[in-house]
Amino acid sequence: RAHTMPTAIYASPEDWGQSSGVTGLEFRISQGAGEL
């Protein structure tokens, strides 16, 4: 019964060091963090 944020973040090896963009790990982290 936790209130989970709409965005959840998954990171695979290819995500680390990936260039920024709407599908990049950095963007997803920022989006989820902003929701919390």
Full PDB file with SEQRES, HELIX, SHEET, SSBOND, CRYST1, ORIGX, SCALE, CONECT and MASTER records, all heavy atoms in Angstrom:
SEQRES   1 A   36  ARG ALA HIS THR MET PRO THR ALA ILE TYR ALA SER PRO          
SEQRES   2 A   36  GLU ASP TRP GLY GLN SER SER GLY VAL THR GLY LEU GLU          
SEQRES   3 A   36  PHE ARG ILE SER GLN GLY ALA GLY GLU LEU                      
HELIX    1 AA1 PRO A   13  ASP A   15  5                                   3    
HELIX    2 AA2 LEU A   25  GLU A   35  1                                  11    
CRYST1    1.000    1.000    1.000  90.00  90.00  90.00 P 1           1          
ORIGX1      1.000000  0.000000  0.000000        0.00000                         
ORIGX2      0.000000  1.000000  0.000000        0.00000                         
ORIGX3      0.000000  0.000000  1.000000        0.00000                         
SCALE1      1.000000  0.000000  0.000000        0.00000                         
SCALE2      0.000000  1.000000  0.000000        0.00000                         
SCALE3      0.000000  0.000000  1.000000        0.00000                         
ATOM      1  N   ARG A   1       0.811  -1.217   0.000  1.00  0.00           N  
ATOM      2  CA  ARG A   1       0.000   0.000   0.000  1.00  0.00           C  
ATOM      3  C   ARG A   1       0.844   1.268   0.000  1.00  0.00           C  
ATOM      4  O   ARG A   1       0.404   2.333   0.447  1.00  0.00           O  
ATOM      5  CB  ARG A   1      -0.987   0.012   1.173  1.00  0.00           C  
ATOM      6  CG  ARG A   1      -1.905  -1.204   1.216  1.00  0.00           C  
ATOM      7  CD  ARG A   1      -2.900  -1.096   2.359  1.00  0.00           C  
ATOM      8  NE  ARG A   1      -3.811   0.014   2.171  1.00  0.00           N  
ATOM      9  CZ  ARG A   1      -4.917  -0.024   1.448  1.00  0.00           C  
ATOM     10  NH1 ARG A   1      -5.244  -1.134   0.827  1.00  0.00           N  
ATOM     11  NH2 ARG A   1      -5.697   1.028   1.343  1.00  0.00           N  
ATOM     12  N   ALA A   2       2.074   1.176  -0.520  1.00  0.00           N  
ATOM     13  CA  ALA A   2       2.915   2.356  -0.652  1.00  0.00           C  
ATOM     14  C   ALA A   2       2.421   3.209  -1.819  1.00  0.00           C  
ATOM     15  O   ALA A   2       1.762   2.718  -2.746  1.00  0.00           O  
ATOM     16  CB  ALA A   2       4.360   1.942  -0.870  1.00  0.00           C  
ATOM     17  N   HIS A   3       2.759   4.493  -1.775  1.00  0.00           N  
ATOM     18  CA  HIS A   3       2.402   5.423  -2.855  1.00  0.00           C  
ATOM     19  C   HIS A   3       3.588   5.497  -3.811  1.00  0.00           C  
ATOM     20  O   HIS A   3       4.493   6.303  -3.642  1.00  0.00           O  
ATOM     21  CB  HIS A   3       2.072   6.796  -2.265  1.00  0.00           C  
ATOM     22  CG  HIS A   3       1.870   7.871  -3.276  1.00  0.00           C  
ATOM     23  ND1 HIS A   3       1.185   7.671  -4.459  1.00  0.00           N  
ATOM     24  CD2 HIS A   3       2.267   9.183  -3.292  1.00  0.00           C  
ATOM     25  CE1 HIS A   3       1.159   8.795  -5.147  1.00  0.00           C  
ATOM     26  NE2 HIS A   3       1.820   9.720  -4.468  1.00  0.00           N  
ATOM     27  N   THR A   4       3.623   4.615  -4.824  1.00  0.00           N  
ATOM     28  CA  THR A   4       4.761   4.553  -5.735  1.00  0.00           C  
ATOM     29  C   THR A   4       4.666   5.645  -6.795  1.00  0.00           C  
ATOM     30  O   THR A   4       3.582   5.993  -7.263  1.00  0.00           O  
ATOM     31  CB  THR A   4       4.845   3.181  -6.419  1.00  0.00           C  
ATOM     32  OG1 THR A   4       3.626   2.922  -7.113  1.00  0.00           O  
ATOM     33  CG2 THR A   4       5.103   2.085  -5.392  1.00  0.00           C  
ATOM     34  N   MET A   5       5.835   6.183  -7.179  1.00  0.00           N  
ATOM     35  CA  MET A   5       5.891   7.221  -8.196  1.00  0.00           C  
ATOM     36  C   MET A   5       5.626   6.612  -9.581  1.00  0.00           C  
ATOM     37  O   MET A   5       5.958   5.456  -9.836  1.00  0.00           O  
ATOM     38  CB  MET A   5       7.259   7.906  -8.182  1.00  0.00           C  
ATOM     39  CG  MET A   5       7.600   8.593  -6.862  1.00  0.00           C  
ATOM     40  SD  MET A   5       6.417   9.891  -6.401  1.00  0.00           S  
ATOM     41  CE  MET A   5       5.409   9.038  -5.151  1.00  0.00           C  
ATOM     42  N   PRO A   6       5.021   7.384 -10.493  1.00  0.00           N  
ATOM     43  CA  PRO A   6       4.732   6.854 -11.827  1.00  0.00           C  
ATOM     44  C   PRO A   6       5.976   6.387 -12.573  1.00  0.00           C  
ATOM     45  O   PRO A   6       5.936   5.392 -13.301  1.00  0.00           O  
ATOM     46  CB  PRO A   6       4.079   8.043 -12.542  1.00  0.00           C  
ATOM     47  CG  PRO A   6       3.520   8.891 -11.448  1.00  0.00           C  
ATOM     48  CD  PRO A   6       4.480   8.739 -10.305  1.00  0.00           C  
ATOM     49  N   THR A   7       7.089   7.105 -12.392  1.00  0.00           N  
ATOM     50  CA  THR A   7       8.327   6.746 -13.077  1.00  0.00           C  
ATOM     51  C   THR A   7       9.190   5.877 -12.174  1.00  0.00           C  
ATOM     52  O   THR A   7       9.457   6.235 -11.024  1.00  0.00           O  
ATOM     53  CB  THR A   7       9.122   8.001 -13.470  1.00  0.00           C  
ATOM     54  OG1 THR A   7       8.326   8.808 -14.347  1.00  0.00           O  
ATOM     55  CG2 THR A   7      10.423   7.633 -14.174  1.00  0.00           C  
ATOM     56  N   ALA A   8       9.599   4.719 -12.695  1.00  0.00           N  
ATOM     57  CA  ALA A   8      10.557   3.852 -12.011  1.00  0.00           C  
ATOM     58  C   ALA A   8      11.778   3.730 -12.914  1.00  0.00           C  
ATOM     59  O   ALA A   8      11.658   3.769 -14.142  1.00  0.00           O  
ATOM     60  CB  ALA A   8       9.941   2.484 -11.729  1.00  0.00           C  
ATOM     61  N   ILE A   9      12.945   3.579 -12.333  1.00  0.00           N  
ATOM     62  CA  ILE A   9      14.187   3.682 -13.101  1.00  0.00           C  
ATOM     63  C   ILE A   9      14.934   2.359 -13.107  1.00  0.00           C  
ATOM     64  O   ILE A   9      15.248   1.800 -12.049  1.00  0.00           O  
ATOM     65  CB  ILE A   9      15.108   4.786 -12.518  1.00  0.00           C  
ATOM     66  CG1 ILE A   9      14.421   6.154 -12.626  1.00  0.00           C  
ATOM     67  CG2 ILE A   9      16.447   4.822 -13.254  1.00  0.00           C  
ATOM     68  CD1 ILE A   9      13.533   6.522 -11.479  1.00  0.00           C  
ATOM     69  N   TYR A  10      15.201   1.865 -14.321  1.00  0.00           N  
ATOM     70  CA  TYR A  10      16.000   0.654 -14.499  1.00  0.00           C  
ATOM     71  C   TYR A  10      17.305   1.039 -15.187  1.00  0.00           C  
ATOM     72  O   TYR A  10      17.307   1.831 -16.139  1.00  0.00           O  
ATOM     73  CB  TYR A  10      15.254  -0.362 -15.359  1.00  0.00           C  
ATOM     74  CG  TYR A  10      16.032  -1.637 -15.584  1.00  0.00           C  
ATOM     75  CD1 TYR A  10      15.992  -2.673 -14.653  1.00  0.00           C  
ATOM     76  CD2 TYR A  10      16.814  -1.805 -16.724  1.00  0.00           C  
ATOM     77  CE1 TYR A  10      16.708  -3.846 -14.856  1.00  0.00           C  
ATOM     78  CE2 TYR A  10      17.527  -2.971 -16.931  1.00  0.00           C  
ATOM     79  CZ  TYR A  10      17.478  -3.977 -15.992  1.00  0.00           C  
ATOM     80  OH  TYR A  10      18.198  -5.129 -16.187  1.00  0.00           O  
ATOM     81  N   ALA A  11      18.410   0.479 -14.714  1.00  0.00           N  
ATOM     82  CA  ALA A  11      19.728   0.773 -15.289  1.00  0.00           C  
ATOM     83  C   ALA A  11      20.436  -0.522 -15.641  1.00  0.00           C  
ATOM     84  O   ALA A  11      20.664  -1.373 -14.779  1.00  0.00           O  
ATOM     85  CB  ALA A  11      20.567   1.588 -14.308  1.00  0.00           C  
ATOM     86  N   SER A  12      20.772  -0.667 -16.907  1.00  0.00           N  
ATOM     87  CA  SER A  12      21.561  -1.802 -17.381  1.00  0.00           C  
ATOM     88  C   SER A  12      22.963  -1.291 -17.718  1.00  0.00           C  
ATOM     89  O   SER A  12      23.193  -0.077 -17.732  1.00  0.00           O  
ATOM     90  CB  SER A  12      20.898  -2.424 -18.611  1.00  0.00           C  
ATOM     91  OG  SER A  12      20.780  -1.472 -19.652  1.00  0.00           O  
ATOM     92  N   PRO A  13      23.921  -2.184 -17.994  1.00  0.00           N  
ATOM     93  CA  PRO A  13      25.291  -1.734 -18.257  1.00  0.00           C  
ATOM     94  C   PRO A  13      25.395  -0.677 -19.355  1.00  0.00           C  
ATOM     95  O   PRO A  13      26.202   0.261 -19.242  1.00  0.00           O  
ATOM     96  CB  PRO A  13      26.002  -3.034 -18.662  1.00  0.00           C  
ATOM     97  CG  PRO A  13      25.274  -4.095 -17.915  1.00  0.00           C  
ATOM     98  CD  PRO A  13      23.839  -3.653 -17.931  1.00  0.00           C  
ATOM     99  N   GLU A  14      24.591  -0.806 -20.405  1.00  0.00           N  
ATOM    100  CA  GLU A  14      24.683   0.161 -21.499  1.00  0.00           C  
ATOM    101  C   GLU A  14      24.131   1.534 -21.125  1.00  0.00           C  
ATOM    102  O   GLU A  14      24.367   2.519 -21.837  1.00  0.00           O  
ATOM    103  CB  GLU A  14      23.953  -0.358 -22.745  1.00  0.00           C  
ATOM    104  CG  GLU A  14      22.506  -0.734 -22.537  1.00  0.00           C  
ATOM    105  CD  GLU A  14      22.310  -2.214 -22.255  1.00  0.00           C  
ATOM    106  OE1 GLU A  14      23.220  -2.841 -21.669  1.00  0.00           O  
ATOM    107  OE2 GLU A  14      21.233  -2.738 -22.592  1.00  0.00           O  
ATOM    108  N   ASP A  15      23.368   1.620 -20.037  1.00  0.00           N  
ATOM    109  CA  ASP A  15      22.820   2.910 -19.606  1.00  0.00           C  
ATOM    110  C   ASP A  15      23.885   3.813 -18.987  1.00  0.00           C  
ATOM    111  O   ASP A  15      23.802   5.032 -19.077  1.00  0.00           O  
ATOM    112  CB  ASP A  15      21.695   2.714 -18.586  1.00  0.00           C  
ATOM    113  CG  ASP A  15      20.423   2.200 -19.221  1.00  0.00           C  
ATOM    114  OD1 ASP A  15      20.048   2.713 -20.289  1.00  0.00           O  
ATOM    115  OD2 ASP A  15      19.810   1.282 -18.660  1.00  0.00           O  
ATOM    116  N   TRP A  16      24.871   3.213 -18.331  1.00  0.00           N  
ATOM    117  CA  TRP A  16      25.893   4.006 -17.670  1.00  0.00           C  
ATOM    118  C   TRP A  16      26.782   4.660 -18.726  1.00  0.00           C  
ATOM    119  O   TRP A  16      27.319   4.000 -19.602  1.00  0.00           O  
ATOM    120  CB  TRP A  16      26.739   3.151 -16.735  1.00  0.00           C  
ATOM    121  CG  TRP A  16      25.917   2.478 -15.682  1.00  0.00           C  
ATOM    122  CD1 TRP A  16      25.586   1.170 -15.606  1.00  0.00           C  
ATOM    123  CD2 TRP A  16      25.297   3.104 -14.547  1.00  0.00           C  
ATOM    124  NE1 TRP A  16      24.802   0.924 -14.499  1.00  0.00           N  
ATOM    125  CE2 TRP A  16      24.607   2.093 -13.829  1.00  0.00           C  
ATOM    126  CE3 TRP A  16      25.253   4.408 -14.073  1.00  0.00           C  
ATOM    127  CZ2 TRP A  16      23.893   2.348 -12.667  1.00  0.00           C  
ATOM    128  CZ3 TRP A  16      24.533   4.666 -12.905  1.00  0.00           C  
ATOM    129  CH2 TRP A  16      23.867   3.651 -12.214  1.00  0.00           C  
ATOM    130  N   GLY A  17      26.895   5.968 -18.663  1.00  0.00           N  
ATOM    131  CA  GLY A  17      27.687   6.705 -19.632  1.00  0.00           C  
ATOM    132  C   GLY A  17      26.939   7.018 -20.909  1.00  0.00           C  
ATOM    133  O   GLY A  17      27.508   7.587 -21.835  1.00  0.00           O  
ATOM    134  N   GLN A  18      25.655   6.684 -20.970  1.00  0.00           N  
ATOM    135  CA  GLN A  18      24.845   6.987 -22.144  1.00  0.00           C  
ATOM    136  C   GLN A  18      24.617   8.479 -22.260  1.00  0.00           C  
ATOM    137  O   GLN A  18      24.463   9.180 -21.256  1.00  0.00           O  
ATOM    138  CB  GLN A  18      23.505   6.257 -22.045  1.00  0.00           C  
ATOM    139  CG  GLN A  18      22.644   6.345 -23.292  1.00  0.00           C  
ATOM    140  CD  GLN A  18      21.303   5.650 -23.083  1.00  0.00           C  
ATOM    141  OE1 GLN A  18      20.459   6.146 -22.345  1.00  0.00           O  
ATOM    142  NE2 GLN A  18      21.111   4.509 -23.722  1.00  0.00           N  
ATOM    143  N   SER A  19      24.600   8.985 -23.474  1.00  0.00           N  
ATOM    144  CA  SER A  19      24.386  10.413 -23.695  1.00  0.00           C  
ATOM    145  C   SER A  19      22.995  10.802 -23.210  1.00  0.00           C  
ATOM    146  O   SER A  19      22.058  10.011 -23.242  1.00  0.00           O  
ATOM    147  CB  SER A  19      24.533  10.762 -25.175  1.00  0.00           C  
ATOM    148  OG  SER A  19      23.608  10.019 -25.950  1.00  0.00           O  
ATOM    149  N   SER A  20      22.882  12.046 -22.775  1.00  0.00           N  
ATOM    150  CA  SER A  20      21.607  12.521 -22.245  1.00  0.00           C  
ATOM    151  C   SER A  20      20.565  12.625 -23.354  1.00  0.00           C  
ATOM    152  O   SER A  20      20.873  12.789 -24.523  1.00  0.00           O  
ATOM    153  CB  SER A  20      21.788  13.881 -21.566  1.00  0.00           C  
ATOM    154  OG  SER A  20      22.282  14.824 -22.502  1.00  0.00           O  
ATOM    155  N   GLY A  21      19.316  12.527 -22.977  1.00  0.00           N  
ATOM    156  CA  GLY A  21      18.204  12.592 -23.922  1.00  0.00           C  
ATOM    157  C   GLY A  21      16.951  12.124 -23.231  1.00  0.00           C  
ATOM    158  O   GLY A  21      16.981  11.727 -22.058  1.00  0.00           O  
ATOM    159  N   VAL A  22      15.848  12.150 -23.934  1.00  0.00           N  
ATOM    160  CA  VAL A  22      14.573  11.803 -23.307  1.00  0.00           C  
ATOM    161  C   VAL A  22      14.513  10.327 -22.933  1.00  0.00           C  
ATOM    162  O   VAL A  22      13.646   9.917 -22.174  1.00  0.00           O  
ATOM    163  CB  VAL A  22      13.397  12.154 -24.237  1.00  0.00           C  
ATOM    164  CG1 VAL A  22      13.289  13.659 -24.409  1.00  0.00           C  
ATOM    165  CG2 VAL A  22      13.534  11.464 -25.586  1.00  0.00           C  
ATOM    166  N   THR A  23      15.398   9.508 -23.460  1.00  0.00           N  
ATOM    167  CA  THR A  23      15.424   8.095 -23.084  1.00  0.00           C  
ATOM    168  C   THR A  23      16.647   7.738 -22.252  1.00  0.00           C  
ATOM    169  O   THR A  23      16.808   6.585 -21.859  1.00  0.00           O  
ATOM    170  CB  THR A  23      15.416   7.195 -24.338  1.00  0.00           C  
ATOM    171  OG1 THR A  23      16.579   7.476 -25.130  1.00  0.00           O  
ATOM    172  CG2 THR A  23      14.170   7.455 -25.176  1.00  0.00           C  
ATOM    173  N   GLY A  24      17.501   8.714 -21.973  1.00  0.00           N  
ATOM    174  CA  GLY A  24      18.721   8.452 -21.231  1.00  0.00           C  
ATOM    175  C   GLY A  24      18.480   8.239 -19.751  1.00  0.00           C  
ATOM    176  O   GLY A  24      17.456   8.658 -19.197  1.00  0.00           O  
ATOM    177  N   LEU A  25      19.438   7.583 -19.096  1.00  0.00           N  
ATOM    178  CA  LEU A  25      19.311   7.294 -17.666  1.00  0.00           C  
ATOM    179  C   LEU A  25      19.223   8.577 -16.852  1.00  0.00           C  
ATOM    180  O   LEU A  25      18.416   8.677 -15.923  1.00  0.00           O  
ATOM    181  CB  LEU A  25      20.507   6.452 -17.209  1.00  0.00           C  
ATOM    182  CG  LEU A  25      20.554   6.099 -15.715  1.00  0.00           C  
ATOM    183  CD1 LEU A  25      19.328   5.278 -15.318  1.00  0.00           C  
ATOM    184  CD2 LEU A  25      21.839   5.322 -15.397  1.00  0.00           C  
ATOM    185  N   GLU A  26      20.030   9.562 -17.199  1.00  0.00           N  
ATOM    186  CA  GLU A  26      20.016  10.829 -16.463  1.00  0.00           C  
ATOM    187  C   GLU A  26      18.639  11.486 -16.509  1.00  0.00           C  
ATOM    188  O   GLU A  26      18.149  12.007 -15.504  1.00  0.00           O  
ATOM    189  CB  GLU A  26      21.080  11.764 -17.038  1.00  0.00           C  
ATOM    190  CG  GLU A  26      21.207  13.089 -16.294  1.00  0.00           C  
ATOM    191  CD  GLU A  26      22.281  13.978 -16.880  1.00  0.00           C  
ATOM    192  OE1 GLU A  26      23.132  13.467 -17.635  1.00  0.00           O  
ATOM    193  OE2 GLU A  26      22.272  15.191 -16.579  1.00  0.00           O  
ATOM    194  N   PHE A  27      18.019  11.462 -17.673  1.00  0.00           N  
ATOM    195  CA  PHE A  27      16.686  12.050 -17.815  1.00  0.00           C  
ATOM    196  C   PHE A  27      15.666  11.300 -16.966  1.00  0.00           C  
ATOM    197  O   PHE A  27      14.835  11.900 -16.287  1.00  0.00           O  
ATOM    198  CB  PHE A  27      16.261  12.033 -19.288  1.00  0.00           C  
ATOM    199  CG  PHE A  27      14.865  12.546 -19.523  1.00  0.00           C  
ATOM    200  CD1 PHE A  27      14.620  13.897 -19.672  1.00  0.00           C  
ATOM    201  CD2 PHE A  27      13.784  11.664 -19.585  1.00  0.00           C  
ATOM    202  CE1 PHE A  27      13.331  14.377 -19.886  1.00  0.00           C  
ATOM    203  CE2 PHE A  27      12.494  12.129 -19.795  1.00  0.00           C  
ATOM    204  CZ  PHE A  27      12.270  13.491 -19.945  1.00  0.00           C  
ATOM    205  N   ARG A  28      15.720   9.964 -17.013  1.00  0.00           N  
ATOM    206  CA  ARG A  28      14.765   9.165 -16.251  1.00  0.00           C  
ATOM    207  C   ARG A  28      14.948   9.354 -14.747  1.00  0.00           C  
ATOM    208  O   ARG A  28      13.979   9.411 -13.981  1.00  0.00           O  
ATOM    209  CB  ARG A  28      14.903   7.689 -16.635  1.00  0.00           C  
ATOM    210  CG  ARG A  28      14.323   7.362 -18.002  1.00  0.00           C  
ATOM    211  CD  ARG A  28      14.496   5.909 -18.359  1.00  0.00           C  
ATOM    212  NE  ARG A  28      15.819   5.641 -18.918  1.00  0.00           N  
ATOM    213  CZ  ARG A  28      16.608   4.652 -18.562  1.00  0.00           C  
ATOM    214  NH1 ARG A  28      16.239   3.819 -17.593  1.00  0.00           N  
ATOM    215  NH2 ARG A  28      17.767   4.470 -19.140  1.00  0.00           N  
ATOM    216  N   ILE A  29      16.205   9.457 -14.310  1.00  0.00           N  
ATOM    217  CA  ILE A  29      16.476   9.711 -12.895  1.00  0.00           C  
ATOM    218  C   ILE A  29      15.872  11.048 -12.478  1.00  0.00           C  
ATOM    219  O   ILE A  29      15.215  11.159 -11.438  1.00  0.00           O  
ATOM    220  CB  ILE A  29      17.985   9.686 -12.629  1.00  0.00           C  
ATOM    221  CG1 ILE A  29      18.514   8.251 -12.699  1.00  0.00           C  
ATOM    222  CG2 ILE A  29      18.312  10.303 -11.262  1.00  0.00           C  
ATOM    223  CD1 ILE A  29      20.023   8.144 -12.576  1.00  0.00           C  
ATOM    224  N   SER A  30      16.091  12.068 -13.303  1.00  0.00           N  
ATOM    225  CA  SER A  30      15.563  13.396 -12.981  1.00  0.00           C  
ATOM    226  C   SER A  30      14.044  13.397 -12.943  1.00  0.00           C  
ATOM    227  O   SER A  30      13.429  14.030 -12.073  1.00  0.00           O  
ATOM    228  CB  SER A  30      16.070  14.409 -14.014  1.00  0.00           C  
ATOM    229  OG  SER A  30      15.567  15.702 -13.746  1.00  0.00           O  
ATOM    230  N   GLN A  31      13.421  12.680 -13.875  1.00  0.00           N  
ATOM    231  CA  GLN A  31      11.959  12.644 -13.916  1.00  0.00           C  
ATOM    232  C   GLN A  31      11.383  11.963 -12.681  1.00  0.00           C  
ATOM    233  O   GLN A  31      10.452  12.474 -12.039  1.00  0.00           O  
ATOM    234  CB  GLN A  31      11.499  11.916 -15.177  1.00  0.00           C  
ATOM    235  CG  GLN A  31       9.988  11.845 -15.338  1.00  0.00           C  
ATOM    236  CD  GLN A  31       9.575  11.361 -16.721  1.00  0.00           C  
ATOM    237  OE1 GLN A  31       9.951  11.971 -17.730  1.00  0.00           O  
ATOM    238  NE2 GLN A  31       8.829  10.278 -16.782  1.00  0.00           N  
ATOM    239  N   GLY A  32      11.934  10.794 -12.318  1.00  0.00           N  
ATOM    240  CA  GLY A  32      11.448  10.105 -11.131  1.00  0.00           C  
ATOM    241  C   GLY A  32      11.703  10.884  -9.860  1.00  0.00           C  
ATOM    242  O   GLY A  32      10.853  10.954  -8.967  1.00  0.00           O  
ATOM    243  N   ALA A  33      12.894  11.493  -9.782  1.00  0.00           N  
ATOM    244  CA  ALA A  33      13.231  12.283  -8.599  1.00  0.00           C  
ATOM    245  C   ALA A  33      12.322  13.496  -8.458  1.00  0.00           C  
ATOM    246  O   ALA A  33      11.910  13.866  -7.350  1.00  0.00           O  
ATOM    247  CB  ALA A  33      14.692  12.729  -8.677  1.00  0.00           C  
ATOM    248  N   GLY A  34      11.990  14.105  -9.586  1.00  0.00           N  
ATOM    249  CA  GLY A  34      11.084  15.252  -9.548  1.00  0.00           C  
ATOM    250  C   GLY A  34       9.701  14.869  -9.045  1.00  0.00           C  
ATOM    251  O   GLY A  34       9.057  15.633  -8.314  1.00  0.00           O  
ATOM    252  N   GLU A  35       9.252  13.668  -9.420  1.00  0.00           N  
ATOM    253  CA  GLU A  35       7.942  13.207  -8.953  1.00  0.00           C  
ATOM    254  C   GLU A  35       7.937  12.984  -7.448  1.00  0.00           C  
ATOM    255  O   GLU A  35       6.973  13.352  -6.757  1.00  0.00           O  
ATOM    256  CB  GLU A  35       7.573  11.914  -9.685  1.00  0.00           C  
ATOM    257  CG  GLU A  35       7.284  12.116 -11.160  1.00  0.00           C  
ATOM    258  CD  GLU A  35       7.218  10.815 -11.953  1.00  0.00           C  
ATOM    259  OE1 GLU A  35       7.425   9.736 -11.344  1.00  0.00           O  
ATOM    260  OE2 GLU A  35       6.957  10.869 -13.169  1.00  0.00           O  
ATOM    261  N   LEU A  36       9.017  12.410  -6.921  1.00  0.00           N  
ATOM    262  CA  LEU A  36       9.074  12.180  -5.478  1.00  0.00           C  
ATOM    263  C   LEU A  36       9.162  13.496  -4.723  1.00  0.00           C  
ATOM    264  O   LEU A  36       8.496  13.688  -3.696  1.00  0.00           O  
ATOM    265  CB  LEU A  36      10.268  11.293  -5.122  1.00  0.00           C  
ATOM    266  CG  LEU A  36      10.376  10.901  -3.644  1.00  0.00           C  
ATOM    267  CD1 LEU A  36       9.160  10.085  -3.202  1.00  0.00           C  
ATOM    268  CD2 LEU A  36      11.654  10.116  -3.373  1.00  0.00           C  
TER     269      LEU A  36                                                      
MASTER        0    0    0    2    0    0    0    6  268    1    0    3          
END                                                                             
